[in-house]
């Protein structure tokens, strides 16, 4: 079951557990001054989950860019009349186009 599109199974477990415990604490303690403490703990959990999701998305993007750079460097062949410096500049120009 995919609860959230960008999260894995353990993140879904943590989200459901956090929401369940928050609801249980509201039922047990009621809407007293301790509600702010419970809400704070809940918001910290949500923030950590969001940061983990953003980190995973960033990691995928970096991995995709590195794979593109590897492909460019692997396909870069040096013809006989071109010096090493010229081919390095060509590869650098291709890498700059990706980023």
C-alpha atoms as a PDB file:
ATOM      1  CA  UNK A   1       0.000   0.000   0.000  1.00  0.00           C
ATOM      2  CA  UNK A   2       1.431   3.353  -1.065  1.00  0.00           C
ATOM      3  CA  UNK A   3       0.190   5.920   1.447  1.00  0.00           C
ATOM      4  CA  UNK A   4       2.334   8.768   0.192  1.00  0.00           C
ATOM      5  CA  UNK A   5       3.831   8.936  -3.266  1.00  0.00           C
ATOM      6  CA  UNK A   6       7.363   9.980  -2.318  1.00  0.00           C
ATOM      7  CA  UNK A   7       7.941   7.929   0.812  1.00  0.00           C
ATOM      8  CA  UNK A   8       9.010   4.401   1.580  1.00  0.00           C
ATOM      9  CA  UNK A   9       7.322   1.833   3.795  1.00  0.00           C
ATOM     10  CA  UNK A  10       9.121   2.757   7.034  1.00  0.00           C
ATOM     11  CA  UNK A  11       8.328   6.434   6.584  1.00  0.00           C
ATOM     12  CA  UNK A  12       4.657   5.507   6.255  1.00  0.00           C
ATOM     13  CA  UNK A  13       4.896   3.486   9.476  1.00  0.00           C
ATOM     14  CA  UNK A  14       6.453   6.437  11.319  1.00  0.00           C
ATOM     15  CA  UNK A  15       3.820   8.844   9.983  1.00  0.00           C
ATOM     16  CA  UNK A  16       0.934   6.587  11.003  1.00  0.00           C
ATOM     17  CA  UNK A  17       2.484   5.889  14.401  1.00  0.00           C
ATOM     18  CA  UNK A  18       3.082   9.594  15.046  1.00  0.00           C
ATOM     19  CA  UNK A  19      -0.471  10.546  14.085  1.00  0.00           C
ATOM     20  CA  UNK A  20      -1.858   7.674  16.163  1.00  0.00           C
ATOM     21  CA  UNK A  21       0.146   8.601  19.256  1.00  0.00           C
ATOM     22  CA  UNK A  22      -0.777  12.273  18.846  1.00  0.00           C
ATOM     23  CA  UNK A  23      -4.469  11.357  18.665  1.00  0.00           C
ATOM     24  CA  UNK A  24      -4.115   9.037  21.668  1.00  0.00           C
ATOM     25  CA  UNK A  25      -2.431  11.742  23.723  1.00  0.00           C
ATOM     26  CA  UNK A  26      -5.266  14.145  22.882  1.00  0.00           C
ATOM     27  CA  UNK A  27      -7.818  11.562  23.963  1.00  0.00           C
ATOM     28  CA  UNK A  28      -6.008  10.781  27.226  1.00  0.00           C
ATOM     29  CA  UNK A  29      -4.873  14.250  28.277  1.00  0.00           C
ATOM     30  CA  UNK A  30      -7.524  16.321  26.570  1.00  0.00           C
ATOM     31  CA  UNK A  31      -7.106  19.856  25.324  1.00  0.00           C
ATOM     32  CA  UNK A  32      -5.010  21.148  28.206  1.00  0.00           C
ATOM     33  CA  UNK A  33      -1.857  23.223  28.276  1.00  0.00           C
ATOM     34  CA  UNK A  34       0.100  20.057  27.447  1.00  0.00           C
ATOM     35  CA  UNK A  35      -1.415  20.212  23.978  1.00  0.00           C
ATOM     36  CA  UNK A  36       1.357  22.645  22.972  1.00  0.00           C
ATOM     37  CA  UNK A  37       4.009  20.135  24.016  1.00  0.00           C
ATOM     38  CA  UNK A  38       2.305  17.342  22.096  1.00  0.00           C
ATOM     39  CA  UNK A  39       1.872  19.567  19.041  1.00  0.00           C
ATOM     40  CA  UNK A  40       5.539  20.539  19.204  1.00  0.00           C
ATOM     41  CA  UNK A  41       6.651  16.907  19.248  1.00  0.00           C
ATOM     42  CA  UNK A  42       4.305  16.172  16.362  1.00  0.00           C
ATOM     43  CA  UNK A  43       5.655  19.070  14.293  1.00  0.00           C
ATOM     44  CA  UNK A  44       9.260  18.021  14.916  1.00  0.00           C
ATOM     45  CA  UNK A  45       8.405  14.530  13.648  1.00  0.00           C
ATOM     46  CA  UNK A  46       6.739  15.963  10.549  1.00  0.00           C
ATOM     47  CA  UNK A  47       9.734  18.223   9.894  1.00  0.00           C
ATOM     48  CA  UNK A  48      12.149  15.291  10.106  1.00  0.00           C
ATOM     49  CA  UNK A  49      10.018  13.239   7.725  1.00  0.00           C
ATOM     50  CA  UNK A  50       9.825  16.109   5.219  1.00  0.00           C
ATOM     51  CA  UNK A  51      13.583  16.661   5.409  1.00  0.00           C
ATOM     52  CA  UNK A  52      14.213  12.959   4.771  1.00  0.00           C
ATOM     53  CA  UNK A  53      11.956  13.079   1.708  1.00  0.00           C
ATOM     54  CA  UNK A  54      13.704  16.161   0.358  1.00  0.00           C
ATOM     55  CA  UNK A  55      17.085  14.541   0.966  1.00  0.00           C
ATOM     56  CA  UNK A  56      16.018  11.420  -0.956  1.00  0.00           C
ATOM     57  CA  UNK A  57      14.830  13.537  -3.903  1.00  0.00           C
ATOM     58  CA  UNK A  58      18.098  15.461  -3.920  1.00  0.00           C
ATOM     59  CA  UNK A  59      20.074  12.232  -3.852  1.00  0.00           C
ATOM     60  CA  UNK A  60      18.176  10.886  -6.871  1.00  0.00           C
ATOM     61  CA  UNK A  61      18.818  14.098  -8.795  1.00  0.00           C
ATOM     62  CA  UNK A  62      22.549  14.039  -7.990  1.00  0.00           C
ATOM     63  CA  UNK A  63      22.776  10.389  -8.979  1.00  0.00           C
ATOM     64  CA  UNK A  64      21.083  11.139 -12.299  1.00  0.00           C
ATOM     65  CA  UNK A  65      23.530  13.985 -12.997  1.00  0.00           C
ATOM     66  CA  UNK A  66      26.516  11.789 -12.140  1.00  0.00           C
ATOM     67  CA  UNK A  67      25.265   9.062 -14.466  1.00  0.00           C
ATOM     68  CA  UNK A  68      24.933  11.608 -17.275  1.00  0.00           C
ATOM     69  CA  UNK A  69      28.486  12.833 -16.642  1.00  0.00           C
ATOM     70  CA  UNK A  70      29.787   9.243 -16.624  1.00  0.00           C
ATOM     71  CA  UNK A  71      28.019   8.577 -19.925  1.00  0.00           C
ATOM     72  CA  UNK A  72      29.518  11.690 -21.475  1.00  0.00           C
ATOM     73  CA  UNK A  73      32.997  10.847 -20.302  1.00  0.00           C
ATOM     74  CA  UNK A  74      32.685   7.244 -21.456  1.00  0.00           C
ATOM     75  CA  UNK A  75      31.484   8.224 -24.931  1.00  0.00           C
ATOM     76  CA  UNK A  76      34.098  10.952 -25.365  1.00  0.00           C
ATOM     77  CA  UNK A  77      36.598   9.675 -27.934  1.00  0.00           C
ATOM     78  CA  UNK A  78      39.632  11.574 -29.094  1.00  0.00           C
ATOM     79  CA  UNK A  79      40.147  11.681 -32.893  1.00  0.00           C
ATOM     80  CA  UNK A  80      43.739  11.581 -34.160  1.00  0.00           C
ATOM     81  CA  UNK A  81      44.086  15.311 -34.963  1.00  0.00           C
ATOM     82  CA  UNK A  82      42.703  16.621 -31.662  1.00  0.00           C
ATOM     83  CA  UNK A  83      44.978  17.179 -28.714  1.00  0.00           C
ATOM     84  CA  UNK A  84      44.217  16.124 -25.170  1.00  0.00           C
ATOM     85  CA  UNK A  85      43.578  19.730 -24.111  1.00  0.00           C
ATOM     86  CA  UNK A  86      40.950  20.234 -26.836  1.00  0.00           C
ATOM     87  CA  UNK A  87      39.097  17.043 -25.955  1.00  0.00           C
ATOM     88  CA  UNK A  88      39.129  17.994 -22.264  1.00  0.00           C
ATOM     89  CA  UNK A  89      37.558  21.341 -23.128  1.00  0.00           C
ATOM     90  CA  UNK A  90      34.900  19.563 -25.204  1.00  0.00           C
ATOM     91  CA  UNK A  91      34.036  17.252 -22.300  1.00  0.00           C
ATOM     92  CA  UNK A  92      33.922  20.205 -19.908  1.00  0.00           C
ATOM     93  CA  UNK A  93      31.570  22.070 -22.254  1.00  0.00           C
ATOM     94  CA  UNK A  94      29.254  19.049 -22.359  1.00  0.00           C
ATOM     95  CA  UNK A  95      29.262  18.777 -18.581  1.00  0.00           C
ATOM     96  CA  UNK A  96      28.423  22.479 -18.257  1.00  0.00           C
ATOM     97  CA  UNK A  97      25.461  21.989 -20.586  1.00  0.00           C
ATOM     98  CA  UNK A  98      24.051  19.303 -18.288  1.00  0.00           C
ATOM     99  CA  UNK A  99      24.334  21.397 -15.147  1.00  0.00           C
END
